[in-house]
Amino acid sequence: MNFRVGNSAFIPGLPAVRPGWHPAGPVRPRPALLECHHRDVRVLVPASSGSGDPVTPDELYGVARPRLDGRPWVGLCMIASLDGTTVVDGRSGGLGNPTDVAVLGALRRAADMIIVGAATVRTERYGAPRKPGQRIGVVTSTADIDPDTELFTSGAGFLILPEDGPRAPRGAGGPVETIRAGQGRVDLAAALARLGELGESPTFVQAEGGSHLNGSLLDAGCVDELNLTWSPVLAGGDGPRVTSGGHATMTRLRLAHLATDDDSYVYGRWVRS
């Protein structure tokens, strides 16, 4: 899978996979998507010095990210319609295309660890990750998960719970491994700092939603990167935004790259200034 870099004109300003195959398992139902060919992508920002030069999603998104003082670098990965919703009929699958799948796959390969909200795990039916040794942390205050799903029976899944939260559910293999932080609700900044308790401390953690988890990360000052795909549709309805439920804020990010494809999807990456 290659992107095609181009010199398209642009007014400067800049991996619960989306439809079908997902590096975490059969998350969104669209069979045989691996056999689909994504559209060529033209990088608009930064301007390319070699029009037509190929660049893969891994080259575009697999860049070095610093570990911050006391916690990993955290990136959000989302897709949204032009009018702002991140779901159609309760799921994100209807918004994506094969190139978006390729982008999320590249981000998954770049990430040391994934975190995701429990509702997203249930809705998108997360399975075990394809990347060897990758862990997926499920953020929840209620521990309302099925410990006998593939995500947990594989040993890849773990829970992120408040200190005073419920006991971790017990599956066929025993209680689900747990990180605890916060009282009443998860203290995400503290939880991120404790991820090294599971093994080697991660450098890059990818957050895959839902929007309330994203809002909580923003409140905690723990959003270092946003990878956002714009789907070229007006979806209507009153679905969630990229972040929901958090406090009003103005968190400044810097445009790292912006790209488009022949399906009129736009792929942006913003990072901390």
C-alpha atoms as a PDB file:
ATOM      1  CA  MET A   1       0.000   0.000   0.000  1.00  0.00           C
ATOM      2  CA  ASN A   2       1.584   3.279  -1.097  1.00  0.00           C
ATOM      3  CA  PHE A   3       0.574   6.885  -0.854  1.00  0.00           C
ATOM      4  CA  ARG A   4       1.437   9.098  -3.823  1.00  0.00           C
ATOM      5  CA  VAL A   5       3.001  12.357  -2.732  1.00  0.00           C
ATOM      6  CA  GLY A   6       1.936  15.379  -4.731  1.00  0.00           C
ATOM      7  CA  ASN A   7       2.317  19.134  -4.880  1.00  0.00           C
ATOM      8  CA  SER A   8      -1.391  19.954  -4.741  1.00  0.00           C
ATOM      9  CA  ALA A   9      -2.180  23.546  -3.929  1.00  0.00           C
ATOM     10  CA  PHE A  10      -3.306  24.142  -0.350  1.00  0.00           C
ATOM     11  CA  ILE A  11      -3.851  27.231   1.739  1.00  0.00           C
ATOM     12  CA  PRO A  12      -1.401  26.552   4.614  1.00  0.00           C
ATOM     13  CA  GLY A  13      -2.706  26.238   8.009  1.00  0.00           C
ATOM     14  CA  LEU A  14      -0.685  21.090   9.886  1.00  0.00           C
ATOM     15  CA  PRO A  15      -3.785   3.810  14.938  1.00  0.00           C
ATOM     16  CA  ALA A  16     -12.405   1.171  18.402  1.00  0.00           C
ATOM     17  CA  VAL A  17      -9.974   0.036  12.294  1.00  0.00           C
ATOM     18  CA  ARG A  18     -12.797   1.590  10.658  1.00  0.00           C
ATOM     19  CA  PRO A  19     -14.951  -0.438   8.281  1.00  0.00           C
ATOM     20  CA  GLY A  20     -13.869  -4.060   8.042  1.00  0.00           C
ATOM     21  CA  TRP A  21     -10.524  -5.493   9.089  1.00  0.00           C
ATOM     22  CA  HIS A  22      -8.869  -4.050  12.178  1.00  0.00           C
ATOM     23  CA  PRO A  23      -5.415  -4.797  13.573  1.00  0.00           C
ATOM     24  CA  ALA A  24      -7.125  -5.515  16.893  1.00  0.00           C
ATOM     25  CA  GLY A  25      -9.325  -8.182  15.353  1.00  0.00           C
ATOM     26  CA  PRO A  26     -12.658  -8.268  13.493  1.00  0.00           C
ATOM     27  CA  VAL A  27     -13.797  -4.939  14.830  1.00  0.00           C
ATOM     28  CA  ARG A  28     -15.948  -3.576  12.061  1.00  0.00           C
ATOM     29  CA  PRO A  29     -17.804  -5.946   9.773  1.00  0.00           C
ATOM     30  CA  ARG A  30     -16.687  -5.719   6.166  1.00  0.00           C
ATOM     31  CA  PRO A  31     -15.130  -9.005   5.033  1.00  0.00           C
ATOM     32  CA  ALA A  32     -11.998  -9.328   2.923  1.00  0.00           C
ATOM     33  CA  LEU A  33     -11.118  -5.653   3.233  1.00  0.00           C
ATOM     34  CA  LEU A  34      -7.457  -6.603   3.195  1.00  0.00           C
ATOM     35  CA  GLU A  35      -7.960  -7.465  -0.463  1.00  0.00           C
ATOM     36  CA  CYS A  36      -9.382  -4.001  -1.214  1.00  0.00           C
ATOM     37  CA  HIS A  37      -7.014  -1.432  -2.708  1.00  0.00           C
ATOM     38  CA  HIS A  38      -7.059   1.998  -1.120  1.00  0.00           C
ATOM     39  CA  ARG A  39      -6.901   5.152  -3.215  1.00  0.00           C
ATOM     40  CA  ASP A  40      -3.631   6.960  -3.846  1.00  0.00           C
ATOM     41  CA  VAL A  41      -3.113   9.783  -1.367  1.00  0.00           C
ATOM     42  CA  ARG A  42      -1.613  13.183  -2.181  1.00  0.00           C
ATOM     43  CA  VAL A  43       0.189  14.908   0.676  1.00  0.00           C
ATOM     44  CA  LEU A  44      -0.769  18.582   0.743  1.00  0.00           C
ATOM     45  CA  VAL A  45       1.128  19.716   3.838  1.00  0.00           C
ATOM     46  CA  PRO A  46       4.092  19.791   4.083  1.00  0.00           C
ATOM     47  CA  ALA A  47       4.677  20.613   0.412  1.00  0.00           C
ATOM     48  CA  SER A  48       6.427  17.754  -1.381  1.00  0.00           C
ATOM     49  CA  SER A  49       9.711  18.330  -3.151  1.00  0.00           C
ATOM     50  CA  GLY A  50       9.213  15.263  -5.353  1.00  0.00           C
ATOM     51  CA  SER A  51       5.811  14.988  -6.974  1.00  0.00           C
ATOM     52  CA  GLY A  52       4.827  11.380  -7.519  1.00  0.00           C
ATOM     53  CA  ASP A  53       7.265   9.918  -4.981  1.00  0.00           C
ATOM     54  CA  PRO A  54       5.650   6.952  -3.164  1.00  0.00           C
ATOM     55  CA  VAL A  55       5.233   7.031   0.604  1.00  0.00           C
ATOM     56  CA  THR A  56       3.591   4.292   2.641  1.00  0.00           C
ATOM     57  CA  PRO A  57       1.169   4.860   5.539  1.00  0.00           C
ATOM     58  CA  ASP A  58       3.868   3.511   7.865  1.00  0.00           C
ATOM     59  CA  GLU A  59       6.311   6.153   6.607  1.00  0.00           C
ATOM     60  CA  LEU A  60       3.726   8.897   7.037  1.00  0.00           C
ATOM     61  CA  TYR A  61       2.445   7.894  10.488  1.00  0.00           C
ATOM     62  CA  GLY A  62       5.250   5.724  11.874  1.00  0.00           C
ATOM     63  CA  VAL A  63       7.308   8.715  12.950  1.00  0.00           C
ATOM     64  CA  ALA A  64       9.280   8.958  16.190  1.00  0.00           C
ATOM     65  CA  ARG A  65       7.335  10.244  19.178  1.00  0.00           C
ATOM     66  CA  PRO A  66       8.962  11.301  22.450  1.00  0.00           C
ATOM     67  CA  ARG A  67       8.122   9.833  25.818  1.00  0.00           C
ATOM     68  CA  LEU A  68       7.147  12.740  28.039  1.00  0.00           C
ATOM     69  CA  ASP A  69       8.203  13.365  31.616  1.00  0.00           C
ATOM     70  CA  GLY A  70       6.476  10.637  33.605  1.00  0.00           C
ATOM     71  CA  ARG A  71       4.027   9.423  30.970  1.00  0.00           C
ATOM     72  CA  PRO A  72       3.803   8.255  27.345  1.00  0.00           C
ATOM     73  CA  TRP A  73       2.928  10.376  24.328  1.00  0.00           C
ATOM     74  CA  VAL A  74      -0.834  10.014  23.722  1.00  0.00           C
ATOM     75  CA  GLY A  75      -2.497  10.262  20.311  1.00  0.00           C
ATOM     76  CA  LEU A  76      -6.205  10.251  19.459  1.00  0.00           C
ATOM     77  CA  CYS A  77      -7.320   8.418  16.319  1.00  0.00           C
ATOM     78  CA  MET A  78     -10.797   9.236  15.014  1.00  0.00           C
ATOM     79  CA  ILE A  79     -12.937   9.631  11.903  1.00  0.00           C
ATOM     80  CA  ALA A  80     -15.670  12.243  11.488  1.00  0.00           C
ATOM     81  CA  SER A  81     -18.186  13.354   8.900  1.00  0.00           C
ATOM     82  CA  LEU A  82     -18.024  16.869   7.460  1.00  0.00           C
ATOM     83  CA  ASP A  83     -20.795  17.914   9.853  1.00  0.00           C
ATOM     84  CA  GLY A  84     -18.971  16.531  12.860  1.00  0.00           C
ATOM     85  CA  THR A  85     -20.413  13.161  13.862  1.00  0.00           C
ATOM     86  CA  THR A  86     -18.060  10.254  14.566  1.00  0.00           C
ATOM     87  CA  VAL A  87     -20.679   7.508  14.195  1.00  0.00           C
ATOM     88  CA  VAL A  88     -23.484   6.485  11.861  1.00  0.00           C
ATOM     89  CA  ASP A  89     -26.114   4.166  13.355  1.00  0.00           C
ATOM     90  CA  GLY A  90     -23.998   3.964  16.493  1.00  0.00           C
ATOM     91  CA  ARG A  91     -20.760   2.860  14.796  1.00  0.00           C
ATOM     92  CA  SER A  92     -17.900   4.480  12.928  1.00  0.00           C
ATOM     93  CA  GLY A  93     -17.727   1.857  10.155  1.00  0.00           C
ATOM     94  CA  GLY A  94     -20.050   3.604   7.711  1.00  0.00           C
ATOM     95  CA  LEU A  95     -17.760   6.641   7.556  1.00  0.00           C
ATOM     96  CA  GLY A  96     -14.520   4.971   6.463  1.00  0.00           C
ATOM     97  CA  ASN A  97     -12.865   3.662   3.315  1.00  0.00           C
ATOM     98  CA  PRO A  98      -9.905   1.304   2.660  1.00  0.00           C
ATOM     99  CA  THR A  99      -7.341   4.114   2.877  1.00  0.00           C
ATOM    100  CA  ASP A 100      -8.636   5.047   6.316  1.00  0.00           C
ATOM    101  CA  VAL A 101      -8.206   1.400   7.312  1.00  0.00           C
ATOM    102  CA  ALA A 102      -4.604   1.526   6.069  1.00  0.00           C
ATOM    103  CA  VAL A 103      -3.931   4.686   8.082  1.00  0.00           C
ATOM    104  CA  LEU A 104      -5.317   3.156  11.267  1.00  0.00           C
ATOM    105  CA  GLY A 105      -3.308   0.003  10.659  1.00  0.00           C
ATOM    106  CA  ALA A 106      -0.126   2.102  10.383  1.00  0.00           C
ATOM    107  CA  LEU A 107      -0.940   3.911  13.600  1.00  0.00           C
ATOM    108  CA  ARG A 108      -1.577   0.593  15.322  1.00  0.00           C
ATOM    109  CA  ARG A 109       1.825  -0.657  14.246  1.00  0.00           C
ATOM    110  CA  ALA A 110       3.439   2.553  15.532  1.00  0.00           C
ATOM    111  CA  ALA A 111       1.737   2.378  18.945  1.00  0.00           C
ATOM    112  CA  ASP A 112       3.218   0.508  21.892  1.00  0.00           C
ATOM    113  CA  MET A 113      -0.173   0.270  23.595  1.00  0.00           C
ATOM    114  CA  ILE A 114      -3.850   1.058  22.927  1.00  0.00           C
ATOM    115  CA  ILE A 115      -6.434   2.481  25.312  1.00  0.00           C
ATOM    116  CA  VAL A 116     -10.141   2.524  24.561  1.00  0.00           C
ATOM    117  CA  GLY A 117     -13.423   3.038  26.380  1.00  0.00           C
ATOM    118  CA  ALA A 118     -15.487   0.030  27.465  1.00  0.00           C
ATOM    119  CA  ALA A 119     -18.523   1.082  25.413  1.00  0.00           C
ATOM    120  CA  THR A 120     -16.382   1.243  22.263  1.00  0.00           C
ATOM    121  CA  VAL A 121     -14.962  -2.221  22.994  1.00  0.00           C
ATOM    122  CA  ARG A 122     -18.492  -3.624  23.244  1.00  0.00           C
ATOM    123  CA  THR A 123     -19.892  -1.767  20.220  1.00  0.00           C
ATOM    124  CA  GLU A 124     -16.939  -2.405  17.911  1.00  0.00           C
ATOM    125  CA  ARG A 125     -16.274  -5.954  19.200  1.00  0.00           C
ATOM    126  CA  TYR A 126     -12.566  -5.617  19.841  1.00  0.00           C
ATOM    127  CA  GLY A 127     -10.439  -8.744  19.516  1.00  0.00           C
ATOM    128  CA  ALA A 128      -6.778  -9.467  20.187  1.00  0.00           C
ATOM    129  CA  PRO A 129      -4.228  -7.126  18.540  1.00  0.00           C
ATOM    130  CA  ARG A 130      -2.228  -8.303  15.532  1.00  0.00           C
ATOM    131  CA  LYS A 131       0.995  -6.634  16.734  1.00  0.00           C
ATOM    132  CA  PRO A 132       2.899  -9.122  18.932  1.00  0.00           C
ATOM    133  CA  GLY A 133       3.023  -8.094  22.567  1.00  0.00           C
ATOM    134  CA  GLN A 134       0.706  -5.107  22.151  1.00  0.00           C
ATOM    135  CA  ARG A 135      -1.700  -4.546  25.048  1.00  0.00           C
ATOM    136  CA  ILE A 136      -5.140  -2.909  24.968  1.00  0.00           C
ATOM    137  CA  GLY A 137      -6.312  -1.104  28.092  1.00  0.00           C
ATOM    138  CA  VAL A 138     -10.073  -0.726  28.567  1.00  0.00           C
ATOM    139  CA  VAL A 139     -10.994   2.385  30.562  1.00  0.00           C
ATOM    140  CA  THR A 140     -14.088   1.868  32.709  1.00  0.00           C
ATOM    141  CA  SER A 141     -15.535   2.869  36.071  1.00  0.00           C
ATOM    142  CA  THR A 142     -17.956  -0.069  36.206  1.00  0.00           C
ATOM    143  CA  ALA A 143     -15.914  -3.065  34.919  1.00  0.00           C
ATOM    144  CA  ASP A 144     -18.895  -3.874  32.677  1.00  0.00           C
ATOM    145  CA  ILE A 145     -16.997  -6.091  30.235  1.00  0.00           C
ATOM    146  CA  ASP A 146     -17.123  -9.736  29.178  1.00  0.00           C
ATOM    147  CA  PRO A 147     -13.891 -11.339  30.449  1.00  0.00           C
ATOM    148  CA  ASP A 148     -14.361 -14.326  28.146  1.00  0.00           C
ATOM    149  CA  THR A 149     -14.067 -12.406  24.884  1.00  0.00           C
ATOM    150  CA  GLU A 150     -10.954 -12.860  22.745  1.00  0.00           C
ATOM    151  CA  LEU A 151      -9.530  -9.520  23.845  1.00  0.00           C
ATOM    152  CA  PHE A 152      -9.168 -10.785  27.426  1.00  0.00           C
ATOM    153  CA  THR A 153      -8.693 -14.528  26.914  1.00  0.00           C
ATOM    154  CA  SER A 154      -5.717 -13.702  24.661  1.00  0.00           C
ATOM    155  CA  GLY A 155      -4.061 -11.915  27.582  1.00  0.00           C
ATOM    156  CA  ALA A 156      -3.818  -8.691  25.585  1.00  0.00           C
ATOM    157  CA  GLY A 157      -6.679  -6.866  27.307  1.00  0.00           C
ATOM    158  CA  PHE A 158      -6.509  -5.260  30.717  1.00  0.00           C
ATOM    159  CA  LEU A 159      -8.745  -2.875  32.659  1.00  0.00           C
ATOM    160  CA  ILE A 160      -8.085   0.680  33.830  1.00  0.00           C
ATOM    161  CA  LEU A 161     -10.322   1.214  36.878  1.00  0.00           C
ATOM    162  CA  PRO A 162     -10.631   3.716  39.749  1.00  0.00           C
ATOM    163  CA  GLU A 163      -8.938   2.778  43.020  1.00  0.00           C
ATOM    164  CA  ASP A 164     -12.352   2.430  44.662  1.00  0.00           C
ATOM    165  CA  GLY A 165     -13.965   0.799  41.625  1.00  0.00           C
ATOM    166  CA  PRO A 166     -15.502  -2.666  41.487  1.00  0.00           C
ATOM    167  CA  ARG A 167     -13.526  -5.873  41.645  1.00  0.00           C
ATOM    168  CA  ALA A 168     -12.082  -6.957  38.305  1.00  0.00           C
ATOM    169  CA  PRO A 169     -14.338  -9.533  36.615  1.00  0.00           C
ATOM    170  CA  ARG A 170     -13.129 -13.110  36.555  1.00  0.00           C
ATOM    171  CA  GLY A 171     -13.077 -15.106  33.347  1.00  0.00           C
ATOM    172  CA  ALA A 172     -12.063 -18.659  32.540  1.00  0.00           C
ATOM    173  CA  GLY A 173      -8.424 -17.678  32.918  1.00  0.00           C
ATOM    174  CA  GLY A 174      -8.894 -15.853  36.217  1.00  0.00           C
ATOM    175  CA  PRO A 175      -9.413 -12.177  37.072  1.00  0.00           C
ATOM    176  CA  VAL A 176      -8.648  -9.639  34.378  1.00  0.00           C
ATOM    177  CA  GLU A 177      -5.374  -7.756  34.935  1.00  0.00           C
ATOM    178  CA  THR A 178      -6.038  -4.227  36.190  1.00  0.00           C
ATOM    179  CA  ILE A 179      -4.395  -0.838  36.592  1.00  0.00           C
ATOM    180  CA  ARG A 180      -6.100   1.419  39.149  1.00  0.00           C
ATOM    181  CA  ALA A 181      -5.954   5.204  39.503  1.00  0.00           C
ATOM    182  CA  GLY A 182      -8.348   7.823  40.853  1.00  0.00           C
ATOM    183  CA  GLN A 183     -11.315   7.918  43.193  1.00  0.00           C
ATOM    184  CA  GLY A 184     -14.834   7.593  41.794  1.00  0.00           C
ATOM    185  CA  ARG A 185     -13.570   7.842  38.240  1.00  0.00           C
ATOM    186  CA  VAL A 186     -10.332   6.970  36.491  1.00  0.00           C
ATOM    187  CA  ASP A 187      -7.515   9.489  36.908  1.00  0.00           C
ATOM    188  CA  LEU A 188      -6.145   9.156  33.385  1.00  0.00           C
ATOM    189  CA  ALA A 189      -2.920  11.078  33.957  1.00  0.00           C
ATOM    190  CA  ALA A 190      -2.055   8.827  36.907  1.00  0.00           C
ATOM    191  CA  ALA A 191      -3.129   5.697  35.020  1.00  0.00           C
ATOM    192  CA  LEU A 192      -0.917   6.574  32.045  1.00  0.00           C
ATOM    193  CA  ALA A 193       2.034   7.049  34.387  1.00  0.00           C
ATOM    194  CA  ARG A 194       1.434   3.549  35.824  1.00  0.00           C
ATOM    195  CA  LEU A 195       1.304   1.628  32.549  1.00  0.00           C
ATOM    196  CA  GLY A 196       4.894   0.558  33.095  1.00  0.00           C
ATOM    197  CA  GLU A 197       3.591  -1.710  35.883  1.00  0.00           C
ATOM    198  CA  LEU A 198       2.479  -4.074  33.121  1.00  0.00           C
ATOM    199  CA  GLY A 199       6.005  -4.392  31.708  1.00  0.00           C
ATOM    200  CA  GLU A 200       8.154  -2.031  29.677  1.00  0.00           C
ATOM    201  CA  SER A 201       6.886   1.553  29.872  1.00  0.00           C
ATOM    202  CA  PRO A 202       5.235   2.520  26.571  1.00  0.00           C
ATOM    203  CA  THR A 203       6.427   5.531  24.580  1.00  0.00           C
ATOM    204  CA  PHE A 204       3.363   5.974  22.328  1.00  0.00           C
ATOM    205  CA  VAL A 205      -0.165   5.160  23.487  1.00  0.00           C
ATOM    206  CA  GLN A 206      -2.990   5.402  20.973  1.00  0.00           C
ATOM    207  CA  ALA A 207      -6.477   6.267  22.241  1.00  0.00           C
ATOM    208  CA  GLU A 208      -9.277   5.010  20.000  1.00  0.00           C
ATOM    209  CA  GLY A 209     -12.304   6.552  21.707  1.00  0.00           C
ATOM    210  CA  GLY A 210     -15.074   6.876  22.334  1.00  0.00           C
ATOM    211  CA  SER A 211     -15.600  10.563  22.491  1.00  0.00           C
ATOM    212  CA  HIS A 212     -16.054  10.615  26.288  1.00  0.00           C
ATOM    213  CA  LEU A 213     -12.661   8.988  26.790  1.00  0.00           C
ATOM    214  CA  ASN A 214     -11.184  11.586  24.426  1.00  0.00           C
ATOM    215  CA  GLY A 215     -12.872  14.368  26.401  1.00  0.00           C
ATOM    216  CA  SER A 216     -11.473  12.984  29.653  1.00  0.00           C
ATOM    217  CA  LEU A 217      -7.965  12.800  28.167  1.00  0.00           C
ATOM    218  CA  LEU A 218      -8.299  16.416  27.052  1.00  0.00           C
ATOM    219  CA  ASP A 219      -9.407  17.431  30.559  1.00  0.00           C
ATOM    220  CA  ALA A 220      -6.377  15.615  31.984  1.00  0.00           C
ATOM    221  CA  GLY A 221      -3.991  17.482  29.664  1.00  0.00           C
ATOM    222  CA  CYS A 222      -3.007  14.194  28.040  1.00  0.00           C
ATOM    223  CA  VAL A 223      -3.703  14.762  24.335  1.00  0.00           C
ATOM    224  CA  ASP A 224      -0.427  15.156  22.451  1.00  0.00           C
ATOM    225  CA  GLU A 225      -1.567  14.245  18.941  1.00  0.00           C
ATOM    226  CA  LEU A 226      -4.780  14.047  16.911  1.00  0.00           C
ATOM    227  CA  ASN A 227      -5.025  11.834  13.829  1.00  0.00           C
ATOM    228  CA  LEU A 228      -8.349  12.707  12.250  1.00  0.00           C
ATOM    229  CA  THR A 229      -9.889  11.455   9.003  1.00  0.00           C
ATOM    230  CA  TRP A 230     -12.647  13.574   7.495  1.00  0.00           C
ATOM    231  CA  SER A 231     -15.190  11.484   5.640  1.00  0.00           C
ATOM    232  CA  PRO A 232     -16.681  13.428   2.688  1.00  0.00           C
ATOM    233  CA  VAL A 233     -20.283  12.983   3.841  1.00  0.00           C
ATOM    234  CA  LEU A 234     -22.925  15.003   5.638  1.00  0.00           C
ATOM    235  CA  ALA A 235     -24.382  12.498   8.096  1.00  0.00           C
ATOM    236  CA  GLY A 236     -26.983  14.557   9.944  1.00  0.00           C
ATOM    237  CA  GLY A 237     -28.284  13.367  13.292  1.00  0.00           C
ATOM    238  CA  ASP A 238     -26.854  14.341  16.660  1.00  0.00           C
ATOM    239  CA  GLY A 239     -23.993  11.876  17.015  1.00  0.00           C
ATOM    240  CA  PRO A 240     -20.940  12.507  19.226  1.00  0.00           C
ATOM    241  CA  ARG A 241     -18.032  14.766  18.336  1.00  0.00           C
ATOM    242  CA  VAL A 242     -14.362  13.783  18.500  1.00  0.00           C
ATOM    243  CA  THR A 243     -14.487  14.805  22.176  1.00  0.00           C
ATOM    244  CA  SER A 244     -17.567  14.850  24.394  1.00  0.00           C
ATOM    245  CA  GLY A 245     -18.349  15.436  28.054  1.00  0.00           C
ATOM    246  CA  GLY A 246     -15.231  17.442  28.907  1.00  0.00           C
ATOM    247  CA  HIS A 247     -14.707  21.016  29.982  1.00  0.00           C
ATOM    248  CA  ALA A 248     -14.475  23.827  27.453  1.00  0.00           C
ATOM    249  CA  THR A 249     -10.839  24.428  26.544  1.00  0.00           C
ATOM    250  CA  MET A 250      -8.538  25.858  23.901  1.00  0.00           C
ATOM    251  CA  THR A 251      -5.708  23.364  23.416  1.00  0.00           C
ATOM    252  CA  ARG A 252      -3.439  24.523  20.608  1.00  0.00           C
ATOM    253  CA  LEU A 253      -2.007  21.926  18.200  1.00  0.00           C
ATOM    254  CA  ARG A 254       0.306  22.282  15.204  1.00  0.00           C
ATOM    255  CA  LEU A 255      -0.410  20.858  11.751  1.00  0.00           C
ATOM    256  CA  ALA A 256       2.091  18.064  10.981  1.00  0.00           C
ATOM    257  CA  HIS A 257       0.575  16.795   7.731  1.00  0.00           C
ATOM    258  CA  LEU A 258      -2.561  16.947   5.644  1.00  0.00           C
ATOM    259  CA  ALA A 259      -3.373  14.568   2.807  1.00  0.00           C
ATOM    260  CA  THR A 260      -6.267  13.681   0.520  1.00  0.00           C
ATOM    261  CA  ASP A 261      -7.248  10.879  -1.855  1.00  0.00           C
ATOM    262  CA  ASP A 262      -9.358  10.413  -4.974  1.00  0.00           C
ATOM    263  CA  ASP A 263     -12.389   9.601  -2.788  1.00  0.00           C
ATOM    264  CA  SER A 264     -12.166  13.144  -1.317  1.00  0.00           C
ATOM    265  CA  TYR A 265     -11.238  11.878   2.167  1.00  0.00           C
ATOM    266  CA  VAL A 266      -8.867  14.128   4.099  1.00  0.00           C
ATOM    267  CA  TYR A 267      -6.257  12.786   6.536  1.00  0.00           C
ATOM    268  CA  GLY A 268      -4.814  15.156   9.102  1.00  0.00           C
ATOM    269  CA  ARG A 269      -2.250  14.848  11.857  1.00  0.00           C
ATOM    270  CA  TRP A 270      -1.838  17.554  14.490  1.00  0.00           C
ATOM    271  CA  VAL A 271       0.679  17.514  17.354  1.00  0.00           C
ATOM    272  CA  ARG A 272       1.485  19.552  20.443  1.00  0.00           C
ATOM    273  CA  SER A 273       3.192  22.825  19.594  1.00  0.00           C
END
